[in-house]
Every structure is written in structure tokens, then in C-alpha cells.
Amino acid sequence: MQNTKKKADDWIIMGVDPGTIVMGFGIIRVTSGKPRLVLMDHLMLSKYDNHALRLKKIYERSRQLIERYLPDEIALEAPFYGKNIQSMLKLGRAQGVVMAAALSKDIPVIEYSPKKVKMAVTGNGNASKEQVAGMVRTLMNIRQLPDRLDASDALAVALCHFYNRNNNKGKVKYSGWKSFIKNNPGRVE
């Protein structure tokens, strides 16, 4: 699907649930204030032994999706600190690769915490992945969800951004490399 000439109230959001084993992505098109499913899928990365190769595959797939669907904005689920700092670092790298793909095309990137995504979609910041998937299915009128919940999580991230788009307080938004650098003093040399 190539993005054709759009009306002022027509925009595309790509949601991403970054991961180095499985990366979920969901794309919605908003027309006249109503979201419609365009794509929901995942990228399996477990077959690649090398972490750097996984990051390369994430970058390539992100670029392919961006070039094909021309999203106006990309919403990412922010990594959270669990019990394993190495897992968080790997998730942060995956997120950074997706951000780089978006920012290289001057597409704004918005981050949402997992709790914020769950709250926006289910009304419960502690909802399970299954509850999120169920609500995504209901909200988007989807007959069959993919086997991997990473895909429905990514669609939930896109929906979270749709619901929060006009109220961006507390969200980090980058409109390009200059914006990223300005908003991250000390992180970028």
C-alpha cells in the first residue's frame, strides 16, 4: 500500500514493540478521526545468533515499513527496567535502531511507557498482554489476532498514540536529529 495524497485529517501511525528476539509492529490509518487497521505483524529475530545482525535486521525492516507505508509518526514502547539489566540494554538498542530509521526520514518519534500503553487501551496500567490483545481485537474489530502478542502490543502502542496525540504532555517527541540532540543534552556527543 503506497501512501497516496492525504487529506488534512488523514494520517498514518506506526506502532512498534521493540525487541531483539521478536519485534512487533502495527500500522493504523486515521481518517476523519477514526483509526483503521492497515497492518499488524512481527519480525522473528531468534534465528540470528549475532546481536549486531539482529539490530541490522530491525533497521532494515523498519526502513522497509517506513518506505512502504509512509507513516506520519512512529510510536515506540519505551524499554523498562526489569530484573535483567542486559535485557534492558538490548531492548534500548532495538528501540534506538527503530528511532534511527524514523529520524533518518524526519518522522517524529514518540515514546510511551508500557503502563501508559496498557492504560490507554484497557484502562488498566497493569493489564496482561492477553488483556491488551483482547481489547485491541475489540477496538479494531479484528477477527483473528496473530499468534505472537508482540504484534498486538505494537498495535496497542499505535492506538495509545492515537488516543494521546492531542495531549502530548509527558511524552518525548523528536522531529529529527536536531530535536533529539537538543532534548538529550549529555547523552549525545
N, C-alpha and C. Protein backbone atom coordinates (compact mmCIF):
# COMPACT_ATOMS: atom_id res chain seq x y z
N MET A 1 0.84 -1.18 0.00
CA MET A 1 0.00 0.00 0.00
C MET A 1 0.88 1.23 0.00
N GLN A 2 0.84 1.98 -1.03
CA GLN A 2 1.56 3.24 -1.05
C GLN A 2 0.66 4.33 -0.51
N ASN A 3 1.26 5.24 0.20
CA ASN A 3 0.54 6.34 0.77
C ASN A 3 0.21 7.33 -0.34
N THR A 4 -1.06 7.49 -0.63
CA THR A 4 -1.47 8.42 -1.67
C THR A 4 -1.70 9.78 -1.05
N LYS A 5 -2.04 10.76 -1.87
CA LYS A 5 -2.28 12.11 -1.39
C LYS A 5 -3.29 12.07 -0.25
N LYS A 6 -2.92 12.70 0.87
CA LYS A 6 -3.76 12.61 2.05
C LYS A 6 -4.48 13.92 2.32
N LYS A 7 -5.64 13.79 2.93
CA LYS A 7 -6.37 14.96 3.39
C LYS A 7 -5.77 15.41 4.71
N ALA A 8 -6.14 16.60 5.16
CA ALA A 8 -5.60 17.13 6.41
C ALA A 8 -5.94 16.25 7.61
N ASP A 9 -7.08 15.57 7.57
CA ASP A 9 -7.47 14.73 8.70
C ASP A 9 -7.12 13.26 8.48
N ASP A 10 -6.20 13.00 7.59
CA ASP A 10 -5.79 11.64 7.24
C ASP A 10 -4.32 11.48 7.60
N TRP A 11 -4.00 10.58 8.51
CA TRP A 11 -2.61 10.37 8.92
C TRP A 11 -2.38 8.93 9.30
N ILE A 12 -1.11 8.54 9.26
CA ILE A 12 -0.71 7.16 9.50
C ILE A 12 0.23 7.10 10.70
N ILE A 13 -0.05 6.17 11.59
CA ILE A 13 0.79 5.95 12.78
C ILE A 13 1.34 4.53 12.71
N MET A 14 2.64 4.42 12.91
CA MET A 14 3.28 3.11 13.02
C MET A 14 3.65 2.90 14.48
N GLY A 15 3.14 1.84 15.08
CA GLY A 15 3.47 1.49 16.45
C GLY A 15 4.47 0.35 16.45
N VAL A 16 5.44 0.42 17.36
CA VAL A 16 6.47 -0.61 17.41
C VAL A 16 6.67 -1.08 18.85
N ASP A 17 6.69 -2.39 19.00
CA ASP A 17 7.07 -3.04 20.25
C ASP A 17 8.45 -3.62 20.01
N PRO A 18 9.51 -2.84 20.35
CA PRO A 18 10.86 -3.28 20.01
C PRO A 18 11.30 -4.50 20.81
N GLY A 19 12.09 -5.32 20.18
CA GLY A 19 12.65 -6.50 20.83
C GLY A 19 13.74 -7.07 19.96
N THR A 20 14.66 -7.80 20.58
CA THR A 20 15.74 -8.40 19.81
C THR A 20 15.49 -9.89 19.54
N ILE A 21 14.42 -10.42 20.08
CA ILE A 21 14.01 -11.79 19.76
C ILE A 21 12.80 -11.72 18.82
N VAL A 22 11.82 -10.86 19.18
CA VAL A 22 10.64 -10.62 18.36
C VAL A 22 10.35 -9.12 18.40
N MET A 23 10.16 -8.52 17.24
CA MET A 23 9.77 -7.12 17.16
C MET A 23 8.35 -7.09 16.58
N GLY A 24 7.43 -6.47 17.31
CA GLY A 24 6.08 -6.33 16.81
C GLY A 24 5.89 -4.97 16.16
N PHE A 25 5.03 -4.90 15.15
CA PHE A 25 4.71 -3.62 14.55
C PHE A 25 3.25 -3.60 14.12
N GLY A 26 2.66 -2.43 14.26
CA GLY A 26 1.27 -2.24 13.87
C GLY A 26 1.12 -0.88 13.21
N ILE A 27 0.34 -0.82 12.17
CA ILE A 27 0.15 0.44 11.45
C ILE A 27 -1.34 0.71 11.35
N ILE A 28 -1.72 1.93 11.72
CA ILE A 28 -3.10 2.35 11.59
C ILE A 28 -3.17 3.61 10.73
N ARG A 29 -4.29 3.73 10.04
CA ARG A 29 -4.56 4.94 9.26
C ARG A 29 -5.76 5.61 9.90
N VAL A 30 -5.62 6.88 10.22
CA VAL A 30 -6.69 7.63 10.84
C VAL A 30 -7.32 8.52 9.78
N THR A 31 -8.61 8.33 9.57
CA THR A 31 -9.36 9.13 8.61
C THR A 31 -10.61 9.65 9.32
N SER A 32 -10.81 10.95 9.23
CA SER A 32 -11.95 11.59 9.90
C SER A 32 -12.03 11.20 11.37
N GLY A 33 -10.88 11.12 12.02
CA GLY A 33 -10.82 10.85 13.45
C GLY A 33 -11.04 9.40 13.85
N LYS A 34 -11.08 8.49 12.88
CA LYS A 34 -11.32 7.08 13.19
C LYS A 34 -10.13 6.23 12.73
N PRO A 35 -9.56 5.42 13.67
CA PRO A 35 -8.43 4.56 13.28
C PRO A 35 -8.90 3.31 12.55
N ARG A 36 -8.10 2.90 11.58
CA ARG A 36 -8.39 1.69 10.80
C ARG A 36 -7.09 0.90 10.69
N LEU A 37 -7.19 -0.40 10.87
CA LEU A 37 -6.03 -1.27 10.78
C LEU A 37 -5.50 -1.32 9.36
N VAL A 38 -4.20 -1.12 9.22
CA VAL A 38 -3.52 -1.27 7.94
C VAL A 38 -2.69 -2.54 7.96
N LEU A 39 -1.92 -2.73 9.04
CA LEU A 39 -1.01 -3.88 9.12
C LEU A 39 -0.70 -4.17 10.58
N MET A 40 -0.60 -5.46 10.89
CA MET A 40 -0.18 -5.90 12.22
C MET A 40 0.60 -7.19 12.01
N ASP A 41 1.87 -7.19 12.45
CA ASP A 41 2.71 -8.35 12.22
C ASP A 41 3.91 -8.30 13.17
N HIS A 42 4.82 -9.22 12.99
CA HIS A 42 6.02 -9.26 13.81
C HIS A 42 7.21 -9.74 12.97
N LEU A 43 8.38 -9.47 13.49
CA LEU A 43 9.62 -9.90 12.86
C LEU A 43 10.32 -10.85 13.84
N MET A 44 10.54 -12.08 13.41
CA MET A 44 11.22 -13.07 14.25
C MET A 44 12.74 -12.91 14.07
N LEU A 45 13.42 -12.72 15.18
CA LEU A 45 14.86 -12.50 15.13
C LEU A 45 15.65 -13.60 15.84
N SER A 46 14.97 -14.53 16.44
CA SER A 46 15.64 -15.57 17.22
C SER A 46 16.54 -16.46 16.37
N LYS A 47 16.30 -16.50 15.06
CA LYS A 47 17.12 -17.36 14.19
C LYS A 47 18.52 -16.78 13.95
N TYR A 48 18.73 -15.53 14.34
CA TYR A 48 20.04 -14.90 14.18
C TYR A 48 20.80 -14.96 15.49
N ASP A 49 22.00 -15.54 15.47
CA ASP A 49 22.79 -15.69 16.69
C ASP A 49 23.48 -14.40 17.10
N ASN A 50 23.81 -13.58 16.15
CA ASN A 50 24.60 -12.37 16.39
C ASN A 50 23.69 -11.18 16.71
N HIS A 51 23.93 -10.53 17.85
CA HIS A 51 23.10 -9.39 18.26
C HIS A 51 23.18 -8.24 17.25
N ALA A 52 24.36 -7.99 16.72
CA ALA A 52 24.52 -6.91 15.74
C ALA A 52 23.71 -7.22 14.47
N LEU A 53 23.68 -8.46 14.06
CA LEU A 53 22.89 -8.85 12.88
C LEU A 53 21.39 -8.65 13.15
N ARG A 54 20.96 -8.95 14.37
CA ARG A 54 19.56 -8.72 14.73
C ARG A 54 19.22 -7.23 14.62
N LEU A 55 20.12 -6.39 15.11
CA LEU A 55 19.89 -4.94 15.02
C LEU A 55 19.82 -4.48 13.56
N LYS A 56 20.68 -5.06 12.73
CA LYS A 56 20.65 -4.73 11.31
C LYS A 56 19.31 -5.12 10.69
N LYS A 57 18.80 -6.30 11.03
CA LYS A 57 17.51 -6.76 10.51
C LYS A 57 16.37 -5.86 10.99
N ILE A 58 16.44 -5.41 12.24
CA ILE A 58 15.43 -4.48 12.76
C ILE A 58 15.45 -3.18 11.97
N TYR A 59 16.65 -2.67 11.73
CA TYR A 59 16.79 -1.43 10.97
C TYR A 59 16.23 -1.60 9.55
N GLU A 60 16.62 -2.69 8.89
CA GLU A 60 16.17 -2.92 7.51
C GLU A 60 14.65 -3.05 7.43
N ARG A 61 14.06 -3.81 8.35
CA ARG A 61 12.59 -3.99 8.32
C ARG A 61 11.88 -2.69 8.65
N SER A 62 12.42 -1.93 9.58
CA SER A 62 11.83 -0.63 9.92
C SER A 62 11.86 0.30 8.71
N ARG A 63 12.98 0.34 8.02
CA ARG A 63 13.08 1.17 6.81
C ARG A 63 12.10 0.71 5.74
N GLN A 64 11.97 -0.61 5.56
CA GLN A 64 11.02 -1.12 4.56
C GLN A 64 9.59 -0.68 4.89
N LEU A 65 9.22 -0.80 6.15
CA LEU A 65 7.87 -0.40 6.56
C LEU A 65 7.65 1.09 6.37
N ILE A 66 8.66 1.88 6.72
CA ILE A 66 8.57 3.34 6.57
C ILE A 66 8.44 3.70 5.10
N GLU A 67 9.25 3.10 4.26
CA GLU A 67 9.21 3.42 2.83
C GLU A 67 7.91 2.96 2.17
N ARG A 68 7.35 1.87 2.63
CA ARG A 68 6.12 1.36 2.02
C ARG A 68 4.87 2.09 2.50
N TYR A 69 4.77 2.34 3.82
CA TYR A 69 3.54 2.89 4.38
C TYR A 69 3.61 4.39 4.69
N LEU A 70 4.79 4.97 4.64
CA LEU A 70 4.99 6.41 4.85
C LEU A 70 4.25 6.94 6.08
N PRO A 71 4.58 6.43 7.26
CA PRO A 71 3.89 6.91 8.46
C PRO A 71 4.22 8.38 8.74
N ASP A 72 3.23 9.08 9.29
CA ASP A 72 3.44 10.47 9.69
C ASP A 72 4.14 10.55 11.03
N GLU A 73 3.91 9.54 11.86
CA GLU A 73 4.51 9.49 13.20
C GLU A 73 4.77 8.04 13.57
N ILE A 74 5.79 7.84 14.40
CA ILE A 74 6.09 6.50 14.89
C ILE A 74 6.06 6.53 16.40
N ALA A 75 5.28 5.62 16.97
CA ALA A 75 5.15 5.50 18.42
C ALA A 75 5.87 4.23 18.86
N LEU A 76 6.73 4.37 19.86
CA LEU A 76 7.51 3.25 20.37
C LEU A 76 7.16 2.96 21.82
N GLU A 77 7.18 1.68 22.16
CA GLU A 77 7.09 1.34 23.57
C GLU A 77 8.48 1.50 24.15
N ALA A 78 8.60 2.27 25.21
CA ALA A 78 9.89 2.52 25.85
C ALA A 78 10.32 1.29 26.63
N PRO A 79 11.62 1.00 26.65
CA PRO A 79 12.08 -0.14 27.44
C PRO A 79 11.90 0.16 28.92
N PHE A 80 11.67 -0.88 29.69
CA PHE A 80 11.51 -0.72 31.13
C PHE A 80 12.54 -1.58 31.84
N TYR A 81 12.89 -1.15 33.04
CA TYR A 81 13.88 -1.90 33.80
C TYR A 81 13.22 -3.04 34.54
N GLY A 82 13.64 -4.24 34.22
CA GLY A 82 13.16 -5.42 34.93
C GLY A 82 14.26 -5.91 35.84
N LYS A 83 14.41 -7.19 35.93
CA LYS A 83 15.44 -7.77 36.78
C LYS A 83 16.78 -7.91 36.07
N ASN A 84 16.78 -7.87 34.74
CA ASN A 84 17.99 -8.13 33.98
C ASN A 84 18.41 -6.87 33.21
N ILE A 85 19.46 -6.23 33.64
CA ILE A 85 19.93 -5.00 33.01
C ILE A 85 20.38 -5.26 31.57
N GLN A 86 20.91 -6.45 31.29
CA GLN A 86 21.34 -6.77 29.92
C GLN A 86 20.15 -6.80 28.96
N SER A 87 19.03 -7.32 29.43
CA SER A 87 17.82 -7.32 28.59
C SER A 87 17.37 -5.90 28.28
N MET A 88 17.41 -5.03 29.29
CA MET A 88 17.02 -3.65 29.09
C MET A 88 17.95 -2.95 28.09
N LEU A 89 19.22 -3.22 28.19
CA LEU A 89 20.18 -2.62 27.25
C LEU A 89 19.90 -3.09 25.82
N LYS A 90 19.62 -4.37 25.65
CA LYS A 90 19.32 -4.90 24.32
C LYS A 90 18.04 -4.29 23.76
N LEU A 91 17.02 -4.15 24.60
CA LEU A 91 15.77 -3.51 24.17
C LEU A 91 16.01 -2.06 23.78
N GLY A 92 16.85 -1.37 24.56
CA GLY A 92 17.17 0.02 24.25
C GLY A 92 17.88 0.15 22.91
N ARG A 93 18.74 -0.79 22.61
CA ARG A 93 19.42 -0.78 21.31
C ARG A 93 18.41 -1.00 20.18
N ALA A 94 17.50 -1.95 20.38
CA ALA A 94 16.48 -2.22 19.36
C ALA A 94 15.62 -0.97 19.14
N GLN A 95 15.23 -0.33 20.23
CA GLN A 95 14.45 0.89 20.13
C GLN A 95 15.24 1.97 19.41
N GLY A 96 16.51 2.10 19.73
CA GLY A 96 17.36 3.11 19.09
C GLY A 96 17.50 2.90 17.60
N VAL A 97 17.56 1.65 17.16
CA VAL A 97 17.67 1.34 15.74
C VAL A 97 16.39 1.78 15.01
N VAL A 98 15.22 1.51 15.62
CA VAL A 98 13.96 1.94 15.02
C VAL A 98 13.90 3.47 14.98
N MET A 99 14.33 4.11 16.07
CA MET A 99 14.36 5.58 16.12
C MET A 99 15.25 6.13 15.01
N ALA A 100 16.42 5.53 14.81
CA ALA A 100 17.34 6.00 13.78
C ALA A 100 16.71 5.89 12.39
N ALA A 101 16.01 4.78 12.15
CA ALA A 101 15.34 4.61 10.85
C ALA A 101 14.29 5.70 10.64
N ALA A 102 13.52 6.00 11.68
CA ALA A 102 12.48 7.04 11.58
C ALA A 102 13.09 8.43 11.45
N LEU A 103 14.05 8.74 12.29
CA LEU A 103 14.64 10.08 12.29
C LEU A 103 15.42 10.35 11.01
N SER A 104 15.95 9.29 10.38
CA SER A 104 16.66 9.50 9.11
C SER A 104 15.70 9.96 8.02
N LYS A 105 14.41 9.72 8.21
CA LYS A 105 13.37 10.16 7.27
C LYS A 105 12.58 11.34 7.83
N ASP A 106 13.09 11.95 8.91
CA ASP A 106 12.45 13.09 9.57
C ASP A 106 11.02 12.80 10.03
N ILE A 107 10.78 11.59 10.48
CA ILE A 107 9.49 11.20 11.01
C ILE A 107 9.53 11.36 12.53
N PRO A 108 8.59 12.11 13.10
CA PRO A 108 8.58 12.27 14.56
C PRO A 108 8.42 10.93 15.27
N VAL A 109 9.14 10.79 16.39
CA VAL A 109 9.11 9.58 17.20
C VAL A 109 8.60 9.95 18.59
N ILE A 110 7.65 9.17 19.08
CA ILE A 110 7.06 9.39 20.39
C ILE A 110 7.19 8.10 21.18
N GLU A 111 7.59 8.23 22.44
CA GLU A 111 7.76 7.06 23.31
C GLU A 111 6.64 7.00 24.34
N TYR A 112 6.20 5.80 24.63
CA TYR A 112 5.20 5.57 25.67
C TYR A 112 5.66 4.43 26.56
N SER A 113 5.48 4.58 27.85
CA SER A 113 5.82 3.50 28.77
C SER A 113 4.82 2.37 28.60
N PRO A 114 5.22 1.14 28.94
CA PRO A 114 4.28 0.03 28.85
C PRO A 114 2.99 0.27 29.65
N LYS A 115 3.12 0.86 30.83
CA LYS A 115 1.94 1.15 31.65
C LYS A 115 1.01 2.14 30.95
N LYS A 116 1.58 3.15 30.30
CA LYS A 116 0.77 4.15 29.59
C LYS A 116 0.01 3.50 28.44
N VAL A 117 0.67 2.61 27.72
CA VAL A 117 0.02 1.91 26.60
C VAL A 117 -1.14 1.06 27.12
N LYS A 118 -0.87 0.29 28.18
CA LYS A 118 -1.91 -0.57 28.75
C LYS A 118 -3.09 0.26 29.25
N MET A 119 -2.78 1.38 29.91
CA MET A 119 -3.84 2.25 30.44
C MET A 119 -4.68 2.83 29.31
N ALA A 120 -4.04 3.26 28.23
CA ALA A 120 -4.76 3.88 27.12
C ALA A 120 -5.69 2.89 26.42
N VAL A 121 -5.27 1.64 26.34
CA VAL A 121 -6.04 0.65 25.57
C VAL A 121 -7.04 -0.12 26.44
N THR A 122 -6.64 -0.45 27.68
CA THR A 122 -7.52 -1.28 28.52
C THR A 122 -8.13 -0.52 29.69
N GLY A 123 -7.54 0.62 30.04
CA GLY A 123 -7.99 1.33 31.25
C GLY A 123 -7.31 0.82 32.49
N ASN A 124 -6.37 -0.11 32.35
CA ASN A 124 -5.65 -0.70 33.48
C ASN A 124 -4.16 -0.76 33.13
N GLY A 125 -3.35 0.02 33.82
CA GLY A 125 -1.92 0.06 33.57
C GLY A 125 -1.19 -1.23 33.89
N ASN A 126 -1.85 -2.15 34.58
CA ASN A 126 -1.25 -3.43 34.94
C ASN A 126 -1.88 -4.59 34.16
N ALA A 127 -2.54 -4.29 33.07
CA ALA A 127 -3.21 -5.33 32.27
C ALA A 127 -2.19 -6.32 31.72
N SER A 128 -2.63 -7.54 31.51
CA SER A 128 -1.77 -8.57 30.92
C SER A 128 -1.70 -8.38 29.40
N LYS A 129 -0.73 -9.03 28.79
CA LYS A 129 -0.62 -8.99 27.33
C LYS A 129 -1.88 -9.53 26.67
N GLU A 130 -2.46 -10.55 27.28
CA GLU A 130 -3.69 -11.14 26.75
C GLU A 130 -4.86 -10.16 26.82
N GLN A 131 -4.94 -9.39 27.91
CA GLN A 131 -6.00 -8.39 28.04
C GLN A 131 -5.81 -7.29 27.00
N VAL A 132 -4.57 -6.87 26.79
CA VAL A 132 -4.28 -5.85 25.77
C VAL A 132 -4.70 -6.38 24.40
N ALA A 133 -4.31 -7.60 24.10
CA ALA A 133 -4.66 -8.20 22.80
C ALA A 133 -6.18 -8.27 22.62
N GLY A 134 -6.88 -8.65 23.66
CA GLY A 134 -8.33 -8.73 23.58
C GLY A 134 -8.97 -7.37 23.30
N MET A 135 -8.48 -6.34 23.97
CA MET A 135 -9.03 -5.00 23.75
C MET A 135 -8.68 -4.48 22.36
N VAL A 136 -7.46 -4.74 21.91
CA VAL A 136 -7.06 -4.34 20.55
C VAL A 136 -7.98 -5.01 19.54
N ARG A 137 -8.24 -6.27 19.75
CA ARG A 137 -9.13 -7.02 18.85
C ARG A 137 -10.52 -6.38 18.82
N THR A 138 -11.05 -6.04 19.98
CA THR A 138 -12.37 -5.43 20.07
C THR A 138 -12.38 -4.02 19.47
N LEU A 139 -11.42 -3.20 19.87
CA LEU A 139 -11.37 -1.80 19.42
C LEU A 139 -11.21 -1.68 17.91
N MET A 140 -10.42 -2.58 17.32
CA MET A 140 -10.14 -2.50 15.89
C MET A 140 -11.00 -3.47 15.07
N ASN A 141 -11.90 -4.18 15.76
CA ASN A 141 -12.80 -5.12 15.09
C ASN A 141 -12.03 -6.13 14.23
N ILE A 142 -11.06 -6.78 14.89
CA ILE A 142 -10.19 -7.76 14.22
C ILE A 142 -10.73 -9.16 14.49
N ARG A 143 -10.92 -9.92 13.46
CA ARG A 143 -11.45 -11.29 13.62
C ARG A 143 -10.43 -12.22 14.27
N GLN A 144 -9.22 -12.23 13.73
CA GLN A 144 -8.19 -13.15 14.20
C GLN A 144 -6.91 -12.39 14.48
N LEU A 145 -6.40 -12.51 15.69
CA LEU A 145 -5.13 -11.89 16.05
C LEU A 145 -3.98 -12.82 15.64
N PRO A 146 -2.81 -12.25 15.37
CA PRO A 146 -1.63 -13.09 15.08
C PRO A 146 -1.27 -13.94 16.29
N ASP A 147 -0.49 -14.98 16.07
CA ASP A 147 -0.08 -15.86 17.15
C ASP A 147 0.77 -15.13 18.19
N ARG A 148 1.59 -14.20 17.74
CA ARG A 148 2.51 -13.50 18.63
C ARG A 148 1.84 -12.26 19.22
N LEU A 149 1.88 -12.12 20.54
CA LEU A 149 1.30 -10.95 21.19
C LEU A 149 2.12 -9.69 20.96
N ASP A 150 3.34 -9.84 20.47
CA ASP A 150 4.17 -8.68 20.16
C ASP A 150 3.50 -7.81 19.10
N ALA A 151 2.81 -8.45 18.16
CA ALA A 151 2.12 -7.71 17.10
C ALA A 151 0.95 -6.91 17.67
N SER A 152 0.14 -7.52 18.53
CA SER A 152 -0.98 -6.78 19.13
C SER A 152 -0.46 -5.72 20.09
N ASP A 153 0.67 -5.96 20.76
CA ASP A 153 1.27 -4.93 21.62
C ASP A 153 1.67 -3.71 20.79
N ALA A 154 2.24 -3.95 19.62
CA ALA A 154 2.65 -2.84 18.75
C ALA A 154 1.44 -2.06 18.26
N LEU A 155 0.38 -2.75 17.93
CA LEU A 155 -0.85 -2.07 17.52
C LEU A 155 -1.40 -1.27 18.69
N ALA A 156 -1.28 -1.78 19.91
CA ALA A 156 -1.71 -1.05 21.10
C ALA A 156 -0.89 0.24 21.27
N VAL A 157 0.40 0.20 20.94
CA VAL A 157 1.24 1.40 21.02
C VAL A 157 0.73 2.45 20.02
N ALA A 158 0.40 2.03 18.81
CA ALA A 158 -0.14 2.96 17.81
C ALA A 158 -1.47 3.55 18.29
N LEU A 159 -2.33 2.71 18.87
CA LEU A 159 -3.61 3.20 19.39
C LEU A 159 -3.41 4.15 20.56
N CYS A 160 -2.45 3.85 21.42
CA CYS A 160 -2.13 4.73 22.53
C CYS A 160 -1.77 6.12 22.00
N HIS A 161 -0.95 6.15 20.98
CA HIS A 161 -0.57 7.44 20.40
C HIS A 161 -1.78 8.13 19.78
N PHE A 162 -2.62 7.39 19.10
CA PHE A 162 -3.84 7.96 18.54
C PHE A 162 -4.67 8.62 19.65
N TYR A 163 -4.85 7.92 20.77
CA TYR A 163 -5.65 8.46 21.87
C TYR A 163 -4.99 9.65 22.56
N ASN A 164 -3.67 9.68 22.55
CA ASN A 164 -2.94 10.73 23.26
C ASN A 164 -2.37 11.82 22.35
N ARG A 165 -2.63 11.76 21.09
CA ARG A 165 -1.99 12.64 20.11
C ARG A 165 -2.19 14.12 20.42
N ASN A 166 -3.35 14.50 20.86
CA ASN A 166 -3.62 15.91 21.12
C ASN A 166 -3.25 16.34 22.53
N ASN A 167 -2.71 15.42 23.30
CA ASN A 167 -2.29 15.74 24.67
C ASN A 167 -0.91 15.16 24.90
N ASN A 168 0.11 15.78 24.34
CA ASN A 168 1.46 15.22 24.37
C ASN A 168 2.26 15.57 25.61
N LYS A 169 1.62 16.02 26.67
CA LYS A 169 2.36 16.33 27.89
C LYS A 169 2.97 15.06 28.46
N GLY A 170 4.24 15.13 28.81
CA GLY A 170 4.91 14.00 29.42
C GLY A 170 5.46 12.98 28.45
N LYS A 171 5.30 13.20 27.17
CA LYS A 171 5.84 12.27 26.19
C LYS A 171 7.05 12.90 25.51
N VAL A 172 7.99 12.10 25.18
CA VAL A 172 9.17 12.58 24.49
C VAL A 172 8.89 12.47 23.00
N LYS A 173 9.05 13.59 22.29
CA LYS A 173 8.78 13.61 20.85
C LYS A 173 9.98 14.23 20.14
N TYR A 174 10.47 13.54 19.14
CA TYR A 174 11.61 14.03 18.36
C TYR A 174 11.17 14.19 16.92
N SER A 175 11.44 15.36 16.35
CA SER A 175 11.06 15.59 14.97
C SER A 175 12.24 15.44 14.01
N GLY A 176 13.39 15.12 14.52
CA GLY A 176 14.57 14.91 13.70
C GLY A 176 15.79 14.81 14.60
N TRP A 177 16.96 14.66 13.99
CA TRP A 177 18.19 14.52 14.78
C TRP A 177 18.46 15.75 15.63
N LYS A 178 18.23 16.94 15.10
CA LYS A 178 18.47 18.16 15.89
C LYS A 178 17.59 18.19 17.13
N SER A 179 16.34 17.81 16.98
CA SER A 179 15.42 17.76 18.10
C SER A 179 15.86 16.73 19.13
N PHE A 180 16.31 15.56 18.66
CA PHE A 180 16.77 14.52 19.56
C PHE A 180 17.97 15.01 20.37
N ILE A 181 18.93 15.61 19.68
CA ILE A 181 20.14 16.10 20.36
C ILE A 181 19.79 17.20 21.36
N LYS A 182 18.92 18.12 20.96
CA LYS A 182 18.51 19.23 21.85
C LYS A 182 17.84 18.70 23.11
N ASN A 183 17.03 17.66 22.99
CA ASN A 183 16.30 17.12 24.13
C ASN A 183 17.08 16.08 24.93
N ASN A 184 18.31 15.80 24.51
CA ASN A 184 19.13 14.81 25.21
C ASN A 184 20.54 15.35 25.47
N PRO A 185 20.65 16.49 26.15
CA PRO A 185 22.00 17.01 26.43
C PRO A 185 22.78 16.03 27.29
N GLY A 186 24.03 15.85 26.92
CA GLY A 186 24.89 14.94 27.67
C GLY A 186 24.82 13.50 27.20
N ARG A 187 23.76 13.12 26.50
CA ARG A 187 23.64 11.74 26.00
C ARG A 187 24.28 11.60 24.64
N VAL A 188 24.37 12.71 23.91
CA VAL A 188 24.89 12.67 22.55
C VAL A 188 26.07 13.63 22.48
N GLU A 189 27.16 13.14 21.99
CA GLU A 189 28.36 13.97 21.85
C GLU A 189 28.40 14.59 20.48
